Each structure stands twice: as structure tokens, then as C-alpha cells.
């Protein structure tokens, strides 16, 4: 799937293959490692990374990080960054079948 071309056609942005952001999902107070789930002294959460296409189709989601983890850390050390190094040269992202083959 050539997301680079589709994103350019839909938005006018060159060289973009998707949008990434993180959001906090509130959780109950954990019994173990409470501090790493506490987000800015407000509430306990997980920090969920989501990548979407030009038409808001979710391409990747990672709900594995605790709330105290910064967004930059998630991108820097998460599995998506390594995969992007392989895919970005072609301007493509994998479909579901590609993801299953690489697992």
C-alpha cells in the first residue's frame, strides 16, 4: 500500500506515510509498580500510541506503556520505530498480512 502517495494526494504533505500520537487511558490504581502508571500527578493510566493513515484508518496501536512514560520514549524505543526503518524507504506501510508474517 503506497501511503506516501495517498497522504500527498489527500493532504498536500510530501513524504508523509501516517500520523502518530499518544493518548492516556485511565486505569484503576495498579497493585504493582504504581508510580510508573501515575500520569503527571493526576491519575493512573496507560500511554497508548496510535498511528493512522490519511483517512484515519488505524495502522498500528501499542497499549503496552505505563502512563508515566513520555511519548518520545515510546517512539524511540518501541517496535514501530524499528519497523519504520525498513518501510520508510519504500514509502509504504505493511498491511495485516505483512504484520503477521513479520511476527
Protein backbone atom coordinates (compact mmCIF):
# COMPACT_ATOMS: atom_id res chain seq x y z
CA UNK A 1 0.00 0.00 0.00
CA UNK A 2 1.59 3.31 -1.01
CA UNK A 3 0.55 5.57 1.86
CA UNK A 4 3.08 8.22 0.85
CA UNK A 5 1.23 8.97 -2.41
CA UNK A 6 -2.19 8.72 -0.79
CA UNK A 7 -1.24 11.11 2.01
CA UNK A 8 0.19 13.59 -0.51
CA UNK A 9 -2.93 13.40 -2.66
CA UNK A 10 -5.31 13.80 0.30
CA UNK A 11 -3.43 16.48 2.27
CA UNK A 12 -0.69 18.01 0.15
CA UNK A 13 2.00 16.92 2.63
CA UNK A 14 5.08 15.45 0.93
CA UNK A 15 6.87 12.41 2.36
CA UNK A 16 4.24 11.58 4.99
CA UNK A 17 3.13 7.98 5.46
CA UNK A 18 0.90 8.43 8.51
CA UNK A 19 0.17 10.36 11.69
CA UNK A 20 1.29 9.27 15.14
CA UNK A 21 0.22 10.37 18.59
CA UNK A 22 -0.21 9.01 22.08
CA UNK A 23 -3.18 9.25 24.40
CA UNK A 24 -3.68 8.36 28.03
CA UNK A 25 -6.32 5.84 29.03
CA UNK A 26 -7.25 5.93 32.71
CA UNK A 27 -6.91 2.68 34.64
CA UNK A 28 -7.58 1.57 38.19
CA UNK A 29 -4.74 2.01 40.66
CA UNK A 30 -2.29 -0.85 39.99
CA UNK A 31 -1.05 -3.01 42.84
CA UNK A 32 2.47 -3.38 41.39
CA UNK A 33 4.67 -0.50 40.15
CA UNK A 34 2.06 2.14 40.89
CA UNK A 35 4.43 5.07 40.31
CA UNK A 36 5.13 4.24 36.64
CA UNK A 37 1.40 4.36 35.87
CA UNK A 38 0.81 7.75 37.54
CA UNK A 39 0.44 10.45 34.87
CA UNK A 40 1.52 13.99 35.92
CA UNK A 41 0.15 13.64 39.44
CA UNK A 42 -3.36 13.39 38.04
CA UNK A 43 -4.42 9.77 37.52
CA UNK A 44 -3.18 6.27 36.76
CA UNK A 45 -3.06 5.43 33.07
CA UNK A 46 -1.50 3.59 30.18
CA UNK A 47 0.03 5.67 27.39
CA UNK A 48 -1.31 4.28 24.11
CA UNK A 49 0.49 5.00 20.82
CA UNK A 50 -1.70 5.11 17.70
CA UNK A 51 -0.67 5.51 14.05
CA UNK A 52 -3.31 6.29 11.44
CA UNK A 53 -3.45 6.75 7.69
CA UNK A 54 -4.58 9.81 5.73
CA UNK A 55 -8.20 8.63 6.04
CA UNK A 56 -7.94 7.89 9.81
CA UNK A 57 -7.61 4.13 9.41
CA UNK A 58 -5.66 2.79 12.39
CA UNK A 59 -2.43 1.24 11.10
CA UNK A 60 -0.70 0.49 14.41
CA UNK A 61 -1.61 0.61 18.08
CA UNK A 62 0.60 -0.08 21.09
CA UNK A 63 -1.09 -0.10 24.52
CA UNK A 64 1.91 -1.51 26.42
CA UNK A 65 3.45 1.58 28.05
CA UNK A 66 2.62 2.87 31.53
CA UNK A 67 1.28 6.41 31.95
CA UNK A 68 4.48 7.98 33.31
CA UNK A 69 6.36 7.12 30.09
CA UNK A 70 6.85 10.10 27.76
CA UNK A 71 5.63 9.96 24.15
CA UNK A 72 9.17 10.43 22.80
CA UNK A 73 10.39 7.39 24.74
CA UNK A 74 7.59 5.28 23.26
CA UNK A 75 8.54 6.27 19.72
CA UNK A 76 12.29 5.98 20.32
CA UNK A 77 12.24 2.53 21.94
CA UNK A 78 9.02 0.98 20.66
CA UNK A 79 8.69 -1.68 17.99
CA UNK A 80 7.25 0.74 15.43
CA UNK A 81 10.48 2.73 15.06
CA UNK A 82 12.46 -0.34 14.03
CA UNK A 83 9.78 -1.37 11.54
CA UNK A 84 9.64 2.14 10.06
CA UNK A 85 13.33 1.99 9.25
CA UNK A 86 12.55 -0.88 6.91
CA UNK A 87 9.32 0.52 5.43
CA UNK A 88 10.06 4.23 5.03
CA UNK A 89 12.50 3.75 2.15
CA UNK A 90 9.67 2.35 0.06
CA UNK A 91 7.11 4.90 1.30
CA UNK A 92 4.84 2.07 2.35
CA UNK A 93 3.44 0.55 5.50
CA UNK A 94 2.52 -3.12 5.82
CA UNK A 95 -0.97 -4.48 5.68
CA UNK A 96 -2.29 -7.07 8.15
CA UNK A 97 -0.75 -9.99 6.24
CA UNK A 98 2.70 -8.35 6.31
CA UNK A 99 2.44 -7.80 10.06
CA UNK A 100 1.54 -11.45 10.68
CA UNK A 101 4.48 -12.67 8.56
CA UNK A 102 6.95 -10.49 10.48
CA UNK A 103 5.73 -11.60 13.93
